[in-house]
């Protein structure tokens, strides 16, 4: 059967080597087998009579312009009888089956990994205590654990704290890796993918022998940090020119390492964002020429108390579900809306309810700026199950969350009660153990709740007198439960309004634990100020609040708003700016 002619344009652009790369290995094997196999008797008679069917194909291949000469010769050789081929193409019967296969395998395209030099990362103890799975986050690079790291890991495994749990998990991971290989492979390195972690293709090395190093006399030799620095120095000389990098969450440790000429890095894998300024804000300003460009193609209709607009254009690619958009320009009507639908290249905007008006007050509270109105629309929407509020001190996060919660619990009966919790991380020194029950122990941490409830009770009671205010306070207190995060594991909240205050001090693991407690009909509100993180080794990029905002953006049943302007007092606003 004659071969089809090769495409003229495509063959003209390919080099002979690239043309050979496109040949499948199976075809090479079949052609090699066909060359070495004895021809059938009937075809031998036909060739003896001078009739050949492969010659026209070879001629066509030779006539195609731009076809490489090697490919044409190979095509012609496949069509020739074995006795008509050149002598240098002949090969012994045993070797002819191997040579073409090896050639095809050598030139076959393969997906290769990065060919850069593999680094060796020396992990500090705080990295394992911060993220027990950090061993599998370094891809194809190797990991080295000094013996002092194992000693420190063993010292931190006792207790019920998050650090102790992470230490025990890291120890179990190391034990599983060692059991998968055996004691004989400890000195040669343990494959990190032995336990099923396919993303990690490097090896884990333990310090199995003492290393000689020389540190400045000003560094005490018995300190654990200095011993790790000595191990890094010894490995750098032992494995030169391979790069040896120290990974630590301790800033002073990294500074000392750089002062000694060692390469040191922070552990970056736990950070949801590299830069806190890139965090999703939840709102977007429409360009000043928005109506001029998109006004003709905008569809509008009314449903109930809301107006809807279907818009198109390049701005749609920047939008997400439940993101707020606003248009403010002098001399033109303003627009404040929320994205409710994104389909293809169009988006549907829904106008908002104005909670700044006195007739739309929520438990006596009116919003005072644009972002607060956005947040109140999310808090009062029953279809939004998860709300995150970030902002500086005095922006009204706790007050709005409590006001909307009391309205939906006591007035609308949408939820049965309010559950409030927060991270118990002190700003200064700890004052010690607190007496009483769980709620009494959480009392000193809930000063913000008491302050806001006092304001809400005063605004709602009016001139009811002391008895009326006391009755209102008792009613409110009966529907608010204060819980500690330490006892949240295994619980399920049904039809609850959950407020998590000071969420910036939570780790991503703690945030996941709290959010997954939500049952049917439950709404969770997370609030915090990313500029006031008190938890050690936690930054704006690795905070659980940042993690939740980044992961939940665009989900139809969640929303986020960054509150920009403070409303507490002129003193608090000025202090937030200059201090």
Protein backbone atom coordinates (compact mmCIF):
# COMPACT_ATOMS: atom_id res chain seq x y z
CA UNK A 1 0.00 0.00 0.00
CA UNK A 2 1.59 3.32 -1.00
CA UNK A 3 2.36 5.79 1.79
CA UNK A 4 0.41 9.10 1.79
CA UNK A 5 2.47 12.12 0.81
CA UNK A 6 3.82 14.16 3.72
CA UNK A 7 2.35 17.68 4.31
CA UNK A 8 4.45 20.11 2.33
CA UNK A 9 4.34 23.14 4.65
CA UNK A 10 4.83 21.23 7.86
CA UNK A 11 7.73 19.16 6.52
CA UNK A 12 9.42 22.29 5.20
CA UNK A 13 9.56 23.73 8.74
CA UNK A 14 11.00 20.64 10.39
CA UNK A 15 14.64 19.70 10.63
CA UNK A 16 15.71 16.11 9.90
CA UNK A 17 16.23 15.47 13.63
CA UNK A 18 12.77 16.76 14.51
CA UNK A 19 11.25 14.62 11.77
CA UNK A 20 12.81 11.51 13.22
CA UNK A 21 11.46 12.41 16.67
CA UNK A 22 7.88 12.06 15.45
CA UNK A 23 8.25 8.41 14.54
CA UNK A 24 6.54 6.22 17.15
CA UNK A 25 8.55 3.47 18.76
CA UNK A 26 6.00 0.87 17.71
CA UNK A 27 6.46 1.73 14.05
CA UNK A 28 10.21 1.36 14.42
CA UNK A 29 9.75 -2.04 15.99
CA UNK A 30 7.36 -3.17 13.26
CA UNK A 31 9.66 -1.95 10.49
CA UNK A 32 12.66 -3.65 12.11
CA UNK A 33 10.76 -6.89 12.41
CA UNK A 34 9.59 -6.62 8.81
CA UNK A 35 13.17 -6.05 7.60
CA UNK A 36 14.54 -9.11 9.34
CA UNK A 37 11.62 -11.46 8.72
CA UNK A 38 11.84 -13.67 5.61
CA UNK A 39 9.48 -12.50 2.85
CA UNK A 40 6.40 -14.61 2.05
CA UNK A 41 6.64 -16.93 -0.95
CA UNK A 42 3.88 -15.25 -2.94
CA UNK A 43 5.44 -11.83 -2.57
CA UNK A 44 8.82 -13.29 -3.50
CA UNK A 45 7.34 -14.53 -6.77
CA UNK A 46 5.86 -11.15 -7.41
CA UNK A 47 9.19 -9.44 -6.81
CA UNK A 48 10.88 -11.97 -9.05
CA UNK A 49 8.48 -10.96 -11.78
CA UNK A 50 9.55 -7.37 -11.41
CA UNK A 51 6.35 -6.08 -9.76
CA UNK A 52 6.92 -3.87 -6.69
CA UNK A 53 4.35 -1.86 -4.79
CA UNK A 54 6.57 0.20 -2.52
CA UNK A 55 8.59 1.89 -5.25
CA UNK A 56 5.93 4.49 -6.13
CA UNK A 57 5.71 5.46 -2.46
CA UNK A 58 9.46 5.90 -2.28
CA UNK A 59 9.40 7.96 -5.45
CA UNK A 60 6.64 10.17 -4.09
CA UNK A 61 8.54 10.62 -0.84
CA UNK A 62 11.62 11.65 -2.78
CA UNK A 63 9.66 14.14 -4.89
CA UNK A 64 8.05 15.97 -1.95
CA UNK A 65 9.86 19.31 -1.53
CA UNK A 66 11.31 19.93 1.92
CA UNK A 67 11.24 16.28 2.97
CA UNK A 68 14.52 15.35 4.66
CA UNK A 69 16.83 13.13 2.72
CA UNK A 70 17.21 10.68 5.60
CA UNK A 71 13.47 10.23 5.87
CA UNK A 72 13.13 9.68 2.13
CA UNK A 73 15.96 7.18 2.16
CA UNK A 74 14.40 5.37 5.08
CA UNK A 75 11.08 5.25 3.27
CA UNK A 76 12.72 3.91 0.15
CA UNK A 77 14.71 1.34 2.13
CA UNK A 78 11.53 0.00 3.70
CA UNK A 79 10.09 -0.54 0.22
CA UNK A 80 13.14 -2.31 -1.22
CA UNK A 81 13.64 -6.06 -1.08
CA UNK A 82 16.27 -7.27 1.31
CA UNK A 83 18.60 -8.28 -1.51
CA UNK A 84 18.40 -4.86 -3.22
CA UNK A 85 19.44 -2.79 -0.15
CA UNK A 86 22.95 -1.32 0.14
CA UNK A 87 25.54 -3.39 1.87
CA UNK A 88 26.03 -0.97 4.76
CA UNK A 89 22.34 -1.34 5.68
CA UNK A 90 22.65 -5.08 6.11
CA UNK A 91 23.06 -6.40 9.64
CA UNK A 92 23.19 -9.77 11.33
CA UNK A 93 19.87 -11.35 12.03
CA UNK A 94 20.35 -11.22 15.77
CA UNK A 95 21.32 -7.57 15.91
CA UNK A 96 18.87 -6.12 13.40
CA UNK A 97 16.03 -6.44 15.89
CA UNK A 98 17.86 -4.39 18.51
CA UNK A 99 19.43 -1.50 16.67
CA UNK A 100 16.28 0.25 15.36
CA UNK A 101 14.56 -0.11 18.72
CA UNK A 102 17.47 1.48 20.57
CA UNK A 103 17.54 4.36 18.12
CA UNK A 104 13.83 5.01 18.43
CA UNK A 105 14.02 4.88 22.19
CA UNK A 106 16.95 7.27 22.21
CA UNK A 107 15.17 9.92 20.15
CA UNK A 108 11.63 9.44 21.47
CA UNK A 109 10.29 12.59 23.18
CA UNK A 110 10.02 12.30 26.92
CA UNK A 111 8.66 14.58 29.62
CA UNK A 112 11.65 15.33 31.78
CA UNK A 113 11.83 16.90 35.21
CA UNK A 114 13.86 19.95 35.93
CA UNK A 115 17.53 19.24 35.37
CA UNK A 116 18.80 21.90 37.78
CA UNK A 117 21.09 20.94 40.67
CA UNK A 118 19.33 19.36 43.63
CA UNK A 119 19.65 21.32 46.84
CA UNK A 120 19.97 19.99 50.36
CA UNK A 121 17.69 21.64 52.92
CA UNK A 122 18.54 21.43 56.63
CA UNK A 123 15.33 21.81 58.64
CA UNK A 124 15.16 23.54 61.98
CA UNK A 125 12.97 22.04 64.71
CA UNK A 126 10.42 24.87 64.56
CA UNK A 127 9.64 24.02 60.93
CA UNK A 128 8.53 20.50 61.88
CA UNK A 129 6.60 21.82 64.88
CA UNK A 130 4.89 24.39 62.68
CA UNK A 131 4.01 22.04 59.80
CA UNK A 132 4.50 18.28 60.40
CA UNK A 133 4.08 17.62 56.67
CA UNK A 134 6.93 19.98 55.74
CA UNK A 135 9.12 16.96 54.92
CA UNK A 136 7.12 16.45 51.72
CA UNK A 137 7.07 20.09 50.54
CA UNK A 138 10.50 20.31 48.92
CA UNK A 139 9.79 18.43 45.65
CA UNK A 140 12.94 16.85 44.18
CA UNK A 141 15.38 18.28 46.75
CA UNK A 142 16.93 16.39 49.67
CA UNK A 143 16.36 17.02 53.37
CA UNK A 144 18.86 16.67 56.21
CA UNK A 145 17.89 16.43 59.88
CA UNK A 146 20.62 17.01 62.47
CA UNK A 147 20.57 14.83 65.56
CA UNK A 148 19.84 17.82 67.81
CA UNK A 149 16.60 18.39 65.87
CA UNK A 150 15.41 14.91 66.83
CA UNK A 151 16.31 15.64 70.45
CA UNK A 152 14.31 18.88 70.44
CA UNK A 153 11.42 17.15 68.69
CA UNK A 154 11.33 14.56 71.43
CA UNK A 155 11.32 17.27 74.11
CA UNK A 156 8.24 18.99 72.61
CA UNK A 157 6.03 15.94 72.12
CA UNK A 158 4.43 15.97 75.57
CA UNK A 159 1.25 17.91 76.25
CA UNK A 160 -2.05 18.77 74.58
CA UNK A 161 -0.99 21.96 72.82
CA UNK A 162 -0.89 22.42 69.05
CA UNK A 163 2.92 22.33 69.15
CA UNK A 164 2.91 18.99 71.00
CA UNK A 165 0.44 17.47 68.54
CA UNK A 166 2.55 18.59 65.61
CA UNK A 167 5.65 17.16 67.26
CA UNK A 168 4.01 13.76 67.70
CA UNK A 169 2.78 13.76 64.11
CA UNK A 170 6.27 14.61 62.82
CA UNK A 171 7.74 11.77 64.91
CA UNK A 172 5.20 9.31 63.48
CA UNK A 173 6.05 10.45 59.96
CA UNK A 174 9.76 9.89 60.54
CA UNK A 175 9.06 6.46 62.03
CA UNK A 176 6.95 5.47 58.99
CA UNK A 177 9.71 6.51 56.60
CA UNK A 178 12.32 4.58 58.56
CA UNK A 179 10.12 1.47 58.74
CA UNK A 180 9.50 1.54 55.00
CA UNK A 181 13.21 1.31 54.22
CA UNK A 182 14.89 -0.44 57.12
CA UNK A 183 17.91 0.44 59.22
CA UNK A 184 20.41 -0.34 56.45
CA UNK A 185 19.31 2.62 54.32
CA UNK A 186 19.61 5.28 57.01
CA UNK A 187 23.10 6.33 55.96
CA UNK A 188 22.25 6.33 52.24
CA UNK A 189 19.02 8.31 52.59
CA UNK A 190 15.34 7.42 52.80
CA UNK A 191 13.12 7.98 49.79
CA UNK A 192 10.45 10.51 50.74
CA UNK A 193 7.90 9.00 48.35
CA UNK A 194 8.06 5.61 50.08
CA UNK A 195 4.89 6.34 52.09
CA UNK A 196 2.82 7.48 49.10
CA UNK A 197 3.80 11.15 48.92
CA UNK A 198 4.44 11.25 45.18
CA UNK A 199 5.15 14.99 45.08
CA UNK A 200 8.36 14.52 47.09
CA UNK A 201 11.00 12.73 45.01
CA UNK A 202 14.05 13.59 47.11
CA UNK A 203 15.62 11.73 50.02
CA UNK A 204 15.75 12.22 53.77
CA UNK A 205 19.14 12.05 55.47
CA UNK A 206 19.82 11.76 59.19
CA UNK A 207 23.02 12.71 60.95
CA UNK A 208 24.51 9.27 61.53
CA UNK A 209 28.07 10.37 62.26
CA UNK A 210 29.67 13.37 64.01
CA UNK A 211 30.57 16.27 61.74
CA UNK A 212 33.59 18.50 62.23
CA UNK A 213 32.99 22.22 62.04
CA UNK A 214 34.45 25.43 63.38
CA UNK A 215 32.23 28.25 64.67
CA UNK A 216 33.24 31.58 66.20
CA UNK A 217 34.12 31.37 69.88
CA UNK A 218 31.41 33.93 70.69
CA UNK A 219 28.72 31.34 69.88
CA UNK A 220 28.16 28.88 72.77
CA UNK A 221 28.75 25.36 71.51
CA UNK A 222 26.12 23.76 73.71
CA UNK A 223 23.18 25.74 72.34
CA UNK A 224 20.96 23.82 69.94
CA UNK A 225 20.73 26.62 67.37
CA UNK A 226 24.51 26.90 67.18
CA UNK A 227 24.87 23.14 66.75
CA UNK A 228 22.47 23.27 63.78
CA UNK A 229 24.51 26.12 62.30
CA UNK A 230 27.64 23.99 62.71
CA UNK A 231 25.99 21.10 60.89
CA UNK A 232 25.06 23.41 58.01
CA UNK A 233 28.65 24.68 57.83
CA UNK A 234 30.03 21.11 57.79
CA UNK A 235 27.58 19.99 55.10
CA UNK A 236 28.42 22.98 52.93
CA UNK A 237 32.10 21.98 52.92
CA UNK A 238 31.35 18.28 52.58
CA UNK A 239 28.96 18.59 49.62
CA UNK A 240 30.56 21.53 47.80
CA UNK A 241 29.65 22.88 45.28
CA UNK A 242 26.13 21.65 46.07
CA UNK A 243 23.96 24.30 47.72
CA UNK A 244 23.04 23.62 51.35
CA UNK A 245 20.18 25.77 52.70
CA UNK A 246 19.00 26.20 56.29
CA UNK A 247 15.19 26.47 56.65
CA UNK A 248 13.98 28.01 59.89
CA UNK A 249 11.03 29.98 61.22
CA UNK A 250 13.33 31.70 63.72
CA UNK A 251 14.32 35.13 62.42
CA UNK A 252 17.39 35.42 64.67
CA UNK A 253 18.53 31.98 63.54
CA UNK A 254 18.40 33.08 59.91
CA UNK A 255 20.24 36.31 60.71
CA UNK A 256 23.05 34.44 62.47
CA UNK A 257 23.31 31.99 59.57
CA UNK A 258 23.67 34.80 57.04
CA UNK A 259 26.25 36.49 59.27
CA UNK A 260 28.30 33.29 59.08
CA UNK A 261 28.01 33.18 55.30
CA UNK A 262 25.40 30.42 55.23
CA UNK A 263 22.28 30.36 53.05
CA UNK A 264 19.09 30.57 55.14
CA UNK A 265 15.43 30.82 54.16
CA UNK A 266 12.05 31.05 55.82
CA UNK A 267 9.55 28.22 55.41
CA UNK A 268 7.27 29.58 52.69
CA UNK A 269 4.95 26.67 51.93
CA UNK A 270 2.51 27.51 54.71
CA UNK A 271 1.79 30.98 53.37
CA UNK A 272 -1.42 31.45 51.43
CA UNK A 273 -0.05 34.71 49.98
CA UNK A 274 3.44 36.06 49.59
CA UNK A 275 2.25 39.64 50.00
CA UNK A 276 -0.58 40.67 52.29
CA UNK A 277 -1.50 43.52 49.95
CA UNK A 278 -2.63 40.96 47.36
CA UNK A 279 -5.36 39.63 49.64
CA UNK A 280 -8.85 39.61 48.18
CA UNK A 281 -10.73 42.74 49.34
CA UNK A 282 -14.26 41.70 48.35
CA UNK A 283 -15.06 44.93 46.50
CA UNK A 284 -14.14 46.48 43.16
CA UNK A 285 -14.50 50.02 41.84
CA UNK A 286 -15.95 50.21 38.34
CA UNK A 287 -13.98 52.41 35.92
CA UNK A 288 -15.19 56.00 35.38
CA UNK A 289 -16.11 55.26 31.74
CA UNK A 290 -18.04 52.11 32.62
CA UNK A 291 -21.49 53.39 31.61
CA UNK A 292 -20.08 55.05 28.52
CA UNK A 293 -18.59 51.80 27.19
CA UNK A 294 -21.04 49.23 28.52
CA UNK A 295 -24.22 51.29 28.74
CA UNK A 296 -25.67 50.18 25.39
CA UNK A 297 -25.28 46.47 26.12
CA UNK A 298 -26.59 46.51 29.69
CA UNK A 299 -29.83 44.66 30.37
CA UNK A 300 -31.84 45.69 33.42
CA UNK A 301 -34.93 44.35 35.17
CA UNK A 302 -36.56 44.54 38.58
CA UNK A 303 -37.49 41.69 40.90
CA UNK A 304 -38.98 42.61 44.24
CA UNK A 305 -37.03 45.41 45.91
CA UNK A 306 -33.85 44.83 43.89
CA UNK A 307 -32.73 45.94 40.44
CA UNK A 308 -30.65 43.61 38.33
CA UNK A 309 -28.14 44.50 35.61
CA UNK A 310 -26.54 42.12 33.13
CA UNK A 311 -23.20 43.56 32.05
CA UNK A 312 -20.39 42.45 29.74
CA UNK A 313 -16.96 43.58 28.71
CA UNK A 314 -13.45 43.10 30.06
CA UNK A 315 -14.47 43.92 33.63
CA UNK A 316 -16.31 40.58 33.90
CA UNK A 317 -13.03 38.66 33.98
CA UNK A 318 -12.11 40.47 37.23
CA UNK A 319 -15.36 39.67 39.04
CA UNK A 320 -16.24 36.86 41.46
CA UNK A 321 -19.50 35.63 42.92
CA UNK A 322 -20.64 37.74 45.93
CA UNK A 323 -18.08 40.42 45.15
CA UNK A 324 -19.31 43.99 45.55
CA UNK A 325 -18.91 46.60 42.84
CA UNK A 326 -19.53 50.32 43.12
CA UNK A 327 -19.59 53.26 40.73
CA UNK A 328 -19.05 56.75 42.07
CA UNK A 329 -18.54 59.74 39.78
CA UNK A 330 -19.38 63.43 40.20
CA UNK A 331 -22.59 64.43 38.47
CA UNK A 332 -23.73 60.81 37.83
CA UNK A 333 -25.90 58.46 39.89
CA UNK A 334 -23.98 56.05 42.08
CA UNK A 335 -24.29 52.27 41.85
CA UNK A 336 -23.70 49.78 44.67
CA UNK A 337 -24.30 46.17 43.70
CA UNK A 338 -23.26 42.60 44.32
CA UNK A 339 -22.29 39.99 41.71
CA UNK A 340 -24.85 37.18 41.82
CA UNK A 341 -24.11 35.31 38.59
CA UNK A 342 -21.22 34.94 36.15
CA UNK A 343 -21.88 33.11 32.91
CA UNK A 344 -19.55 33.09 29.92
CA UNK A 345 -18.63 36.75 29.34
CA UNK A 346 -21.54 38.33 31.22
CA UNK A 347 -22.28 38.98 34.88
CA UNK A 348 -25.47 39.84 36.76
CA UNK A 349 -25.37 42.61 39.37
CA UNK A 350 -27.95 42.95 42.15
CA UNK A 351 -28.48 46.28 43.89
CA UNK A 352 -28.05 46.37 47.66
CA UNK A 353 -30.27 47.19 50.57
CA UNK A 354 -29.27 50.48 52.16
CA UNK A 355 -28.64 49.77 55.83
CA UNK A 356 -27.45 53.34 56.31
CA UNK A 357 -31.06 54.49 56.25
CA UNK A 358 -32.88 54.79 59.59
CA UNK A 359 -35.77 52.63 58.38
CA UNK A 360 -33.38 49.72 57.69
CA UNK A 361 -31.59 49.84 61.04
CA UNK A 362 -30.40 46.48 62.38
CA UNK A 363 -31.00 46.27 66.16
CA UNK A 364 -30.75 50.05 66.25
CA UNK A 365 -27.47 50.15 64.29
CA UNK A 366 -27.03 51.98 60.98
CA UNK A 367 -24.02 51.59 58.72
CA UNK A 368 -21.84 54.66 58.33
CA UNK A 369 -19.78 53.97 55.21
CA UNK A 370 -19.80 51.99 51.99
CA UNK A 371 -17.85 48.96 53.24
CA UNK A 372 -20.01 48.63 56.33
CA UNK A 373 -23.11 48.52 54.12
CA UNK A 374 -21.48 45.79 52.02
CA UNK A 375 -20.71 43.80 55.17
CA UNK A 376 -24.24 44.19 56.55
CA UNK A 377 -25.73 42.87 53.29
CA UNK A 378 -23.60 39.74 53.68
CA UNK A 379 -24.43 39.33 57.37
CA UNK A 380 -28.20 39.60 56.78
CA UNK A 381 -28.30 37.35 53.72
CA UNK A 382 -29.57 33.84 54.67
CA UNK A 383 -27.97 32.32 51.54
CA UNK A 384 -24.47 33.31 52.66
CA UNK A 385 -23.16 30.72 55.13
CA UNK A 386 -19.63 32.02 55.66
CA UNK A 387 -18.59 35.67 56.08
CA UNK A 388 -15.09 37.01 56.73
CA UNK A 389 -14.50 40.58 57.89
CA UNK A 390 -11.06 42.16 58.10
CA UNK A 391 -10.07 45.69 58.95
CA UNK A 392 -8.23 47.89 61.39
CA UNK A 393 -9.34 48.59 64.95
CA UNK A 394 -12.64 50.43 65.28
CA UNK A 395 -14.17 49.57 61.91
CA UNK A 396 -17.27 48.02 63.49
CA UNK A 397 -16.66 44.32 62.84
CA UNK A 398 -17.86 42.97 66.20
CA UNK A 399 -20.74 45.46 66.53
CA UNK A 400 -22.23 44.66 63.12
CA UNK A 401 -21.83 40.91 63.63
CA UNK A 402 -23.60 41.06 67.00
CA UNK A 403 -26.37 43.39 65.78
CA UNK A 404 -27.19 41.20 62.78
CA UNK A 405 -26.98 38.08 64.96
CA UNK A 406 -29.42 39.42 67.57
CA UNK A 407 -31.86 40.49 64.85
CA UNK A 408 -31.84 37.07 63.16
CA UNK A 409 -32.00 35.17 66.47
CA UNK A 410 -34.53 37.19 68.48
CA UNK A 411 -36.61 38.95 65.81
CA UNK A 412 -36.54 36.73 62.71
CA UNK A 413 -35.98 33.44 64.59
CA UNK A 414 -33.71 32.28 61.78
CA UNK A 415 -31.12 30.87 64.19
CA UNK A 416 -31.58 29.43 67.66
CA UNK A 417 -28.68 31.13 69.44
CA UNK A 418 -25.39 32.96 69.05
CA UNK A 419 -22.15 31.12 69.81
CA UNK A 420 -19.11 33.32 70.26
CA UNK A 421 -15.50 32.23 70.60
CA UNK A 422 -12.05 33.65 70.06
CA UNK A 423 -8.40 32.72 70.12
CA UNK A 424 -7.10 33.01 73.69
CA UNK A 425 -3.75 34.56 72.84
CA UNK A 426 -2.75 37.33 75.25
CA UNK A 427 -1.10 40.55 74.17
CA UNK A 428 1.32 40.64 77.12
CA UNK A 429 2.27 38.19 79.84
CA UNK A 430 -0.21 35.52 80.89
CA UNK A 431 -2.06 36.19 84.14
CA UNK A 432 -2.24 32.50 85.04
CA UNK A 433 -5.13 30.11 85.54
CA UNK A 434 -8.66 31.49 85.72
CA UNK A 435 -11.30 30.15 88.12
CA UNK A 436 -14.82 29.06 87.34
CA UNK A 437 -16.63 27.25 84.56
CA UNK A 438 -15.81 27.32 80.86
CA UNK A 439 -17.91 30.44 80.30
CA UNK A 440 -16.47 32.16 83.37
CA UNK A 441 -12.93 31.39 82.24
CA UNK A 442 -13.72 32.92 78.83
CA UNK A 443 -15.21 36.02 80.46
CA UNK A 444 -11.98 38.08 80.62
CA UNK A 445 -11.35 37.34 76.94
CA UNK A 446 -14.82 38.60 75.96
CA UNK A 447 -14.47 42.24 76.95
CA UNK A 448 -15.31 43.29 73.40
CA UNK A 449 -18.57 41.34 73.63
CA UNK A 450 -19.56 43.10 76.86
CA UNK A 451 -18.76 46.54 75.44
CA UNK A 452 -20.81 46.00 72.30
CA UNK A 453 -23.73 44.41 74.16
CA UNK A 454 -23.86 47.44 76.44
CA UNK A 455 -24.09 49.72 73.42
CA UNK A 456 -26.72 47.56 71.72
CA UNK A 457 -28.85 47.26 74.86
CA UNK A 458 -28.76 51.03 75.39
CA UNK A 459 -29.81 51.75 71.83
CA UNK A 460 -32.60 49.17 71.82
CA UNK A 461 -34.04 49.88 75.26
CA UNK A 462 -34.59 53.58 74.74
CA UNK A 463 -36.13 55.14 77.86
CA UNK A 464 -37.29 51.85 79.35
CA UNK A 465 -35.56 52.55 82.64
CA UNK A 466 -33.31 50.35 84.71
CA UNK A 467 -35.76 47.45 84.81
CA UNK A 468 -36.24 47.45 81.05
CA UNK A 469 -32.51 47.53 80.39
CA UNK A 470 -31.91 44.71 82.87
CA UNK A 471 -34.63 42.59 81.25
CA UNK A 472 -33.19 43.26 77.81
CA UNK A 473 -29.70 42.31 78.97
CA UNK A 474 -31.00 39.07 80.47
CA UNK A 475 -32.83 38.21 77.27
CA UNK A 476 -29.75 38.89 75.16
CA UNK A 477 -27.46 36.97 77.49
CA UNK A 478 -29.73 33.95 77.41
CA UNK A 479 -29.26 33.64 73.65
CA UNK A 480 -25.48 34.15 73.59
CA UNK A 481 -23.19 31.27 74.52
CA UNK A 482 -19.47 31.78 75.03
CA UNK A 483 -17.42 28.71 74.11
CA UNK A 484 -13.75 27.86 74.19
CA UNK A 485 -12.04 26.62 71.05
CA UNK A 486 -10.29 23.90 73.06
CA UNK A 487 -13.50 21.86 73.23
CA UNK A 488 -14.74 22.31 69.65
CA UNK A 489 -13.43 19.02 68.28
CA UNK A 490 -16.24 16.65 67.35
CA UNK A 491 -19.08 19.13 67.84
CA UNK A 492 -21.82 19.97 65.29
CA UNK A 493 -23.70 23.27 65.41
CA UNK A 494 -27.29 23.13 64.10
CA UNK A 495 -29.03 26.43 63.22
CA UNK A 496 -26.45 28.47 65.10
CA UNK A 497 -24.99 31.90 64.46
CA UNK A 498 -21.26 31.43 65.18
CA UNK A 499 -18.93 34.41 65.65
CA UNK A 500 -15.16 33.78 65.68
CA UNK A 501 -13.42 36.90 66.94
CA UNK A 502 -9.70 37.66 66.66
CA UNK A 503 -9.43 35.03 63.92
CA UNK A 504 -6.09 36.42 62.75
CA UNK A 505 -4.45 34.50 65.62
CA UNK A 506 -5.66 31.12 64.34
CA UNK A 507 -3.57 28.73 62.28
CA UNK A 508 -5.03 27.26 59.07
CA UNK A 509 -5.53 23.94 60.86
CA UNK A 510 -7.48 25.58 63.69
CA UNK A 511 -9.57 27.51 61.19
CA UNK A 512 -10.45 24.32 59.37
CA UNK A 513 -11.43 22.68 62.66
CA UNK A 514 -13.83 25.50 63.53
CA UNK A 515 -15.44 25.91 60.10
CA UNK A 516 -16.10 22.20 59.73
CA UNK A 517 -18.22 22.27 62.92
CA UNK A 518 -21.04 23.92 60.96
CA UNK A 519 -24.17 21.84 60.51
CA UNK A 520 -27.36 22.56 58.51
CA UNK A 521 -28.64 26.10 58.90
CA UNK A 522 -25.50 27.44 60.60
CA UNK A 523 -23.77 30.68 59.69
CA UNK A 524 -20.14 31.42 60.61
CA UNK A 525 -18.59 34.89 60.80
CA UNK A 526 -14.80 35.25 61.10
CA UNK A 527 -13.41 38.63 62.08
CA UNK A 528 -9.92 39.91 62.68
CA UNK A 529 -7.24 42.48 62.05
CA UNK A 530 -4.26 41.02 60.20
CA UNK A 531 -2.07 43.82 61.53
CA UNK A 532 -2.51 42.59 65.13
CA UNK A 533 -1.23 38.99 65.12
CA UNK A 534 -0.05 37.83 68.55
CA UNK A 535 0.55 34.11 67.85
CA UNK A 536 4.28 33.24 67.57
CA UNK A 537 5.54 32.16 64.13
CA UNK A 538 2.29 33.36 62.51
CA UNK A 539 2.38 36.12 59.88
CA UNK A 540 -0.15 37.84 57.65
CA UNK A 541 0.57 35.37 54.87
CA UNK A 542 0.27 32.24 57.02
CA UNK A 543 -2.66 33.28 59.23
CA UNK A 544 -5.77 31.10 59.22
CA UNK A 545 -7.89 34.15 58.42
CA UNK A 546 -5.86 34.85 55.28
CA UNK A 547 -6.08 31.16 54.39
CA UNK A 548 -9.88 31.18 54.70
CA UNK A 549 -10.33 34.39 52.71
CA UNK A 550 -8.17 33.12 49.87
CA UNK A 551 -9.79 29.67 49.70
CA UNK A 552 -13.43 30.77 49.98
CA UNK A 553 -13.38 33.63 47.48
CA UNK A 554 -15.76 33.01 44.61
CA UNK A 555 -17.86 30.42 46.45
CA UNK A 556 -21.57 31.29 45.98
CA UNK A 557 -22.33 30.90 49.70
CA UNK A 558 -19.48 32.97 51.14
CA UNK A 559 -18.42 36.60 51.13
CA UNK A 560 -15.59 38.81 52.31
CA UNK A 561 -15.20 42.52 52.94
CA UNK A 562 -12.19 44.60 53.94
CA UNK A 563 -13.39 47.42 56.19
CA UNK A 564 -11.19 50.40 55.46
CA UNK A 565 -12.43 53.29 57.55
CA UNK A 566 -12.63 53.30 61.33
CA UNK A 567 -15.74 54.63 63.05
CA UNK A 568 -14.84 54.23 66.73
CA UNK A 569 -13.52 57.70 67.45
CA UNK A 570 -11.23 60.32 65.98
CA UNK A 571 -8.58 59.36 68.54
CA UNK A 572 -8.68 55.66 67.55
CA UNK A 573 -8.59 56.51 63.84
CA UNK A 574 -5.59 58.80 64.22
CA UNK A 575 -3.77 56.26 66.39
CA UNK A 576 -4.33 53.53 63.80
CA UNK A 577 -2.71 55.71 61.14
CA UNK A 578 0.31 57.13 62.97
CA UNK A 579 1.25 54.40 65.47
